Amino acid sequence: MSTTTPELPTEETHFVSLKHPWRIAGIVVVILIALLIVITVATNERFQWDIVVSYLFDPKIISGLGMTIFLTFVAMVIGLLLGVVIAVMRTSASRTLRYSSGFYVWFFRGTPVLVQLVFWYNLAYLFPNLTIGIPFLDPILSVNTNDVITPLLAAVLGLGLNEGAYLAEIIRAGILSVSTGQREAATSIGMTRFQAFRRVILPQAMRVIIPPTGNETIGMLKSTSLVSVIALSDLMYSAQSIYSRTFEVIPLLLTASIWYLVLTSLLSVGQARIENHFGRGAIAEAGTARAGMFHLLRRSASTGSSSSTGKKA
């Protein structure tokens, strides 16, 4: 009796796509609405597009744009550094570290960033002088608070400390997404807790951390417009200073909006590339799982065919 397994017939599979008339109708409606908006905006003379174009590369606007980029970068760096420290404290076994870091997150997430900016800018009302020294002894160094807390430093403190609270929760969620078995395996081969965190936990947590961090960066870019209330010459403040003199409010607001859209688009492209970089492992694992499942299905089909052939024999 032959025990050879018959080969499965290979047939070309043809997939027939389902028709979705309502989807096509929705696409048509969206295109028509988009065309209507574009035509309305382009033909309305009150938008004054010629003035918008003339201000796009105005030196004052470009200077404010540079300040906006600088504030976004510095605030995100401070936020990331604080976020990592606070997240590690939040996952610590020490109650003191957990509670103190939890208070930090609670306070800075619970108060508006605009209030924090104004608070740092007016710190001199509470502490006219900043001193360094030993308690109950003469200070080693004393400086006027207004000389230290400039509008730029107030903006960096307000934005950076606030962002650190949000990023701490994002990083904590990424750390908790890694199974405890990974930590135990790392320590079992002789790694310290810091080495295990840096080499094993953090690289795996990045797939969870990157998407919301990218969103926070884009949000920070737009939040920098709040520093105009403390007279810091960012992009929004530069536009305001021009239209307060020329009364061309709408064209200057459109100019600022165009630059914000350009920067957010660039950040979105960078975020997508970083996500693809850290998501390659997950894609490879999914492909391996699919291949393994397909192999199991083929083996089960082959086993079923051979068993049925044996029964007939």
Protein backbone atom coordinates (compact mmCIF):
# COMPACT_ATOMS: atom_id res chain seq x y z
CA MET A 1 0.00 0.00 0.00
CA SER A 2 1.43 3.35 -1.01
CA THR A 3 1.97 5.87 1.77
CA THR A 4 2.96 8.79 -0.39
CA THR A 5 1.07 11.97 0.37
CA PRO A 6 -0.74 13.39 -2.66
CA GLU A 7 0.13 16.92 -3.60
CA LEU A 8 -2.52 19.52 -3.00
CA PRO A 9 -3.90 20.99 -6.23
CA THR A 10 -2.72 24.50 -6.84
CA GLU A 11 -5.45 26.64 -8.26
CA GLU A 12 -5.20 30.30 -9.07
CA THR A 13 -7.41 32.26 -6.72
CA HIS A 14 -9.37 35.19 -8.05
CA PHE A 15 -10.59 37.77 -5.57
CA VAL A 16 -13.72 39.69 -6.47
CA SER A 17 -13.95 43.05 -4.79
CA LEU A 18 -17.29 43.94 -3.27
CA LYS A 19 -19.12 46.91 -4.64
CA HIS A 20 -19.73 49.74 -2.21
CA PRO A 21 -22.01 52.32 -3.83
CA TRP A 22 -22.35 54.32 -0.62
CA ARG A 23 -18.56 54.55 -0.31
CA ILE A 24 -18.31 55.93 -3.85
CA ALA A 25 -21.09 58.40 -3.11
CA GLY A 26 -19.28 59.54 0.04
CA ILE A 27 -16.04 60.06 -1.88
CA VAL A 28 -17.86 62.17 -4.46
CA VAL A 29 -19.48 64.28 -1.74
CA VAL A 30 -16.15 64.85 0.02
CA ILE A 31 -14.46 65.87 -3.25
CA LEU A 32 -17.27 68.32 -4.06
CA ILE A 33 -17.11 69.89 -0.60
CA ALA A 34 -13.31 70.19 -0.81
CA LEU A 35 -13.54 71.85 -4.24
CA LEU A 36 -16.19 74.25 -2.94
CA ILE A 37 -13.99 75.25 0.01
CA VAL A 38 -10.90 75.72 -2.19
CA ILE A 39 -12.79 77.84 -4.72
CA THR A 40 -14.40 79.95 -1.98
CA VAL A 41 -11.11 80.60 -0.21
CA ALA A 42 -9.18 81.26 -3.42
CA THR A 43 -11.70 83.68 -4.90
CA ASN A 44 -12.50 85.66 -1.73
CA GLU A 45 -10.48 88.87 -2.03
CA ARG A 46 -10.79 89.58 1.69
CA PHE A 47 -8.24 86.86 2.43
CA GLN A 48 -5.67 89.14 0.72
CA TRP A 49 -3.42 86.33 -0.48
CA ASP A 50 -0.99 88.77 -2.06
CA ILE A 51 -0.28 90.27 1.37
CA VAL A 52 0.04 86.77 2.86
CA VAL A 53 2.69 85.87 0.28
CA SER A 54 4.56 89.13 0.89
CA TYR A 55 4.84 88.39 4.63
CA LEU A 56 5.81 84.72 4.38
CA PHE A 57 9.53 85.47 4.32
CA ASP A 58 9.45 88.75 6.23
CA PRO A 59 12.55 88.98 8.48
CA LYS A 60 10.43 89.43 11.60
CA ILE A 61 8.30 86.40 10.74
CA ILE A 62 11.39 84.28 10.01
CA SER A 63 12.95 85.37 13.30
CA GLY A 64 9.79 84.37 15.18
CA LEU A 65 9.76 81.07 13.30
CA GLY A 66 13.30 80.35 14.50
CA MET A 67 12.27 81.09 18.10
CA THR A 68 9.29 78.74 17.77
CA ILE A 69 11.51 75.92 16.50
CA PHE A 70 14.05 76.57 19.27
CA LEU A 71 11.40 76.54 22.01
CA THR A 72 9.88 73.33 20.66
CA PHE A 73 13.24 71.58 20.58
CA VAL A 74 14.40 72.71 24.04
CA ALA A 75 11.04 72.02 25.70
CA MET A 76 10.87 68.51 24.22
CA VAL A 77 14.44 67.72 25.30
CA ILE A 78 13.66 68.86 28.85
CA GLY A 79 10.38 66.99 28.76
CA LEU A 80 12.02 63.76 27.59
CA LEU A 81 14.75 63.89 30.22
CA LEU A 82 12.25 64.63 32.98
CA GLY A 83 9.81 62.10 31.55
CA VAL A 84 12.31 59.25 31.70
CA VAL A 85 13.30 60.08 35.29
CA ILE A 86 9.70 60.53 36.48
CA ALA A 87 8.55 57.37 34.66
CA VAL A 88 11.28 55.29 36.31
CA MET A 89 10.30 56.78 39.68
CA ARG A 90 6.63 55.97 38.99
CA THR A 91 7.51 52.30 38.42
CA SER A 92 9.88 52.11 41.39
CA ALA A 93 9.29 49.84 44.36
CA SER A 94 9.86 52.81 46.70
CA ARG A 95 6.65 54.46 47.85
CA THR A 96 8.45 57.76 48.39
CA LEU A 97 9.59 57.87 44.77
CA ARG A 98 6.19 56.76 43.48
CA TYR A 99 4.24 59.31 45.51
CA SER A 100 6.58 62.24 44.84
CA SER A 101 6.63 61.55 41.08
CA GLY A 102 2.86 61.08 41.14
CA PHE A 103 2.48 64.50 42.78
CA TYR A 104 4.63 66.04 40.05
CA VAL A 105 2.48 64.52 37.32
CA TRP A 106 -0.72 65.47 39.13
CA PHE A 107 0.31 69.10 39.60
CA PHE A 108 1.75 69.89 36.17
CA ARG A 109 -0.95 68.03 34.26
CA GLY A 110 -3.70 69.56 36.40
CA THR A 111 -2.79 73.21 35.84
CA PRO A 112 -2.99 74.95 32.43
CA VAL A 113 0.31 75.59 30.69
CA LEU A 114 -0.70 79.24 30.21
CA VAL A 115 -0.99 79.67 33.98
CA GLN A 116 2.42 78.07 34.44
CA LEU A 117 4.01 80.41 31.89
CA VAL A 118 2.58 83.49 33.60
CA PHE A 119 3.59 82.13 37.02
CA TRP A 120 7.25 81.65 36.05
CA TYR A 121 7.29 85.03 34.34
CA ASN A 122 6.06 86.71 37.55
CA LEU A 123 8.15 84.67 39.98
CA ALA A 124 9.76 87.86 41.25
CA TYR A 125 6.52 88.77 43.03
CA LEU A 126 7.04 85.79 45.34
CA PHE A 127 10.85 85.72 45.46
CA PRO A 128 12.41 89.11 44.66
CA ASN A 129 15.87 87.60 45.01
CA LEU A 130 17.23 84.13 44.34
CA THR A 131 19.86 83.08 46.86
CA ILE A 132 22.25 80.16 47.17
CA GLY A 133 23.69 79.25 50.55
CA ILE A 134 23.32 77.35 53.81
CA PRO A 135 20.13 77.94 55.83
CA PHE A 136 20.41 80.41 58.72
CA LEU A 137 23.74 81.70 57.35
CA ASP A 138 24.61 84.54 55.03
CA PRO A 139 23.89 83.64 51.39
CA ILE A 140 26.81 82.74 49.18
CA LEU A 141 25.16 84.21 46.09
CA SER A 142 22.12 86.45 45.68
CA VAL A 143 20.73 87.77 42.39
CA ASN A 144 17.65 89.68 41.35
CA THR A 145 14.95 87.30 40.14
CA ASN A 146 14.00 89.50 37.20
CA ASP A 147 17.59 89.32 35.96
CA VAL A 148 17.43 85.52 35.93
CA ILE A 149 13.84 84.76 34.93
CA THR A 150 13.81 86.31 31.49
CA PRO A 151 10.85 85.72 29.13
CA LEU A 152 12.88 83.05 27.35
CA LEU A 153 13.73 81.18 30.56
CA ALA A 154 10.13 81.48 31.78
CA ALA A 155 8.92 79.98 28.49
CA VAL A 156 11.43 77.12 28.67
CA LEU A 157 10.52 76.33 32.28
CA GLY A 158 6.78 76.52 31.70
CA LEU A 159 6.75 74.41 28.53
CA GLY A 160 9.46 71.94 29.58
CA LEU A 161 8.15 71.15 33.06
CA ASN A 162 4.61 70.78 31.77
CA GLU A 163 5.69 68.49 28.94
CA GLY A 164 7.72 66.36 31.33
CA ALA A 165 4.53 65.36 33.17
CA TYR A 166 2.82 64.19 29.98
CA LEU A 167 5.84 62.35 28.63
CA ALA A 168 6.35 60.64 31.99
CA GLU A 169 2.99 58.93 31.63
CA ILE A 170 3.70 58.01 28.01
CA ILE A 171 7.08 56.50 28.89
CA ARG A 172 5.61 54.72 31.91
CA ALA A 173 2.98 53.11 29.68
CA GLY A 174 5.74 51.98 27.32
CA ILE A 175 7.77 50.49 30.15
CA LEU A 176 4.77 48.62 31.53
CA SER A 177 4.01 47.22 28.07
CA VAL A 178 7.18 45.09 28.29
CA SER A 179 6.55 41.83 30.09
CA THR A 180 8.23 41.13 33.41
CA GLY A 181 9.77 38.04 31.88
CA GLN A 182 12.02 40.27 29.79
CA ARG A 183 13.32 41.96 32.95
CA GLU A 184 13.87 38.64 34.69
CA ALA A 185 15.69 37.22 31.68
CA ALA A 186 17.97 40.26 31.51
CA THR A 187 18.87 40.12 35.20
CA SER A 188 19.38 36.34 35.04
CA ILE A 189 22.28 36.78 32.60
CA GLY A 190 24.03 39.24 34.88
CA MET A 191 22.70 42.62 33.71
CA THR A 192 22.17 45.36 36.23
CA ARG A 193 18.75 47.03 36.42
CA PHE A 194 20.07 50.03 34.50
CA GLN A 195 21.60 47.82 31.79
CA ALA A 196 18.38 45.83 31.51
CA PHE A 197 16.39 49.04 31.19
CA ARG A 198 18.70 50.55 28.58
CA ARG A 199 19.35 47.43 26.46
CA VAL A 200 16.19 45.35 26.82
CA ILE A 201 13.20 47.26 28.15
CA LEU A 202 13.56 50.69 26.54
CA PRO A 203 14.15 49.45 22.94
CA GLN A 204 10.97 47.34 23.14
CA ALA A 205 9.01 50.12 24.82
CA MET A 206 9.90 52.56 22.04
CA ARG A 207 7.24 51.06 19.77
CA VAL A 208 4.64 52.18 22.30
CA ILE A 209 6.35 55.46 23.21
CA ILE A 210 7.06 56.89 19.74
CA PRO A 211 3.51 57.53 18.37
CA PRO A 212 2.19 59.57 21.33
CA THR A 213 5.55 61.32 21.70
CA GLY A 214 5.30 62.44 18.08
CA ASN A 215 1.84 63.80 18.79
CA GLU A 216 3.18 65.60 21.87
CA THR A 217 5.93 67.19 19.75
CA ILE A 218 3.37 68.51 17.29
CA GLY A 219 1.24 69.73 20.18
CA MET A 220 4.27 71.43 21.72
CA LEU A 221 4.97 73.24 18.45
CA LYS A 222 1.52 74.79 18.61
CA SER A 223 1.66 75.38 22.37
CA THR A 224 4.65 77.67 21.89
CA SER A 225 2.19 80.26 20.57
CA LEU A 226 1.13 80.78 24.21
CA VAL A 227 4.46 82.46 25.00
CA SER A 228 3.17 85.54 23.20
CA VAL A 229 1.42 86.46 26.48
CA ILE A 230 4.82 86.99 28.12
CA ALA A 231 6.10 89.08 25.19
CA LEU A 232 8.49 86.51 23.77
CA SER A 233 9.03 87.00 20.04
CA ASP A 234 7.90 83.66 18.69
CA LEU A 235 6.03 83.21 15.41
CA MET A 236 2.65 84.20 16.83
CA TYR A 237 3.99 87.22 18.71
CA SER A 238 5.82 88.41 15.58
CA ALA A 239 2.60 88.21 13.56
CA GLN A 240 0.72 90.05 16.30
CA SER A 241 3.30 92.82 16.49
CA ILE A 242 3.00 93.39 12.74
CA TYR A 243 -0.80 93.41 12.47
CA SER A 244 -1.11 95.64 15.55
CA ARG A 245 0.73 98.24 13.47
CA THR A 246 -0.72 97.56 9.99
CA PHE A 247 -4.19 96.25 11.01
CA GLU A 248 -3.79 93.40 8.50
CA VAL A 249 -5.03 90.83 10.99
CA ILE A 250 -6.29 88.04 8.71
CA PRO A 251 -3.28 88.00 6.33
CA LEU A 252 -0.82 87.81 9.24
CA LEU A 253 -2.80 85.06 10.96
CA LEU A 254 -2.83 83.13 7.67
CA THR A 255 0.92 83.62 7.35
CA ALA A 256 1.51 82.19 10.82
CA SER A 257 -0.91 79.31 10.11
CA ILE A 258 0.92 78.40 6.91
CA TRP A 259 4.24 78.15 8.73
CA TYR A 260 2.67 76.07 11.53
CA LEU A 261 1.21 73.72 8.89
CA VAL A 262 4.60 73.39 7.19
CA LEU A 263 6.36 72.54 10.45
CA THR A 264 3.70 70.07 11.59
CA SER A 265 3.82 68.36 8.19
CA LEU A 266 7.59 67.93 8.47
CA LEU A 267 7.24 66.57 12.00
CA SER A 268 4.55 64.13 10.84
CA VAL A 269 6.86 62.78 8.13
CA GLY A 270 9.68 62.37 10.64
CA GLN A 271 7.34 60.65 13.10
CA ALA A 272 6.20 58.18 10.42
CA ARG A 273 9.79 57.25 9.57
CA ILE A 274 10.75 56.76 13.22
CA GLU A 275 7.65 54.60 13.76
CA ASN A 276 8.60 52.47 10.76
CA HIS A 277 12.14 52.08 12.11
CA PHE A 278 11.03 50.86 15.53
CA GLY A 279 8.12 48.87 14.12
CA ARG A 280 10.24 46.67 11.86
CA GLY A 281 10.57 44.04 14.57
CA ALA A 282 6.82 43.90 15.10
CA ILE A 283 6.21 43.61 11.34
CA ALA A 284 8.76 40.81 11.07
CA GLU A 285 7.16 38.97 14.00
CA ALA A 286 3.71 39.33 12.41
CA GLY A 287 5.05 38.00 9.10
CA THR A 288 6.67 35.04 10.84
CA ALA A 289 3.43 34.29 12.68
CA ARG A 290 1.43 34.40 9.46
CA ALA A 291 3.94 32.13 7.72
CA GLY A 292 3.82 29.68 10.61
CA MET A 293 0.03 29.64 10.60
CA PHE A 294 -0.03 29.06 6.84
CA HIS A 295 2.45 26.19 7.26
CA LEU A 296 0.28 24.60 9.96
CA LEU A 297 -2.82 24.89 7.78
CA ARG A 298 -1.06 23.22 4.88
CA ARG A 299 0.21 20.43 7.13
CA SER A 300 -3.25 19.84 8.58
CA ALA A 301 -4.75 19.78 5.08
CA SER A 302 -2.08 17.33 3.92
CA THR A 303 -2.63 15.12 6.96
CA GLY A 304 -6.37 15.11 6.39
CA SER A 305 -5.94 14.15 2.74
CA SER A 306 -3.52 11.33 3.52
CA SER A 307 -5.74 9.91 6.24
CA SER A 308 -8.77 9.91 3.98
CA THR A 309 -6.71 8.17 1.25
CA GLY A 310 -5.57 5.52 3.72
CA LYS A 311 -9.15 4.79 4.76
CA LYS A 312 -10.20 4.29 1.16
CA ALA A 313 -7.31 1.88 0.62
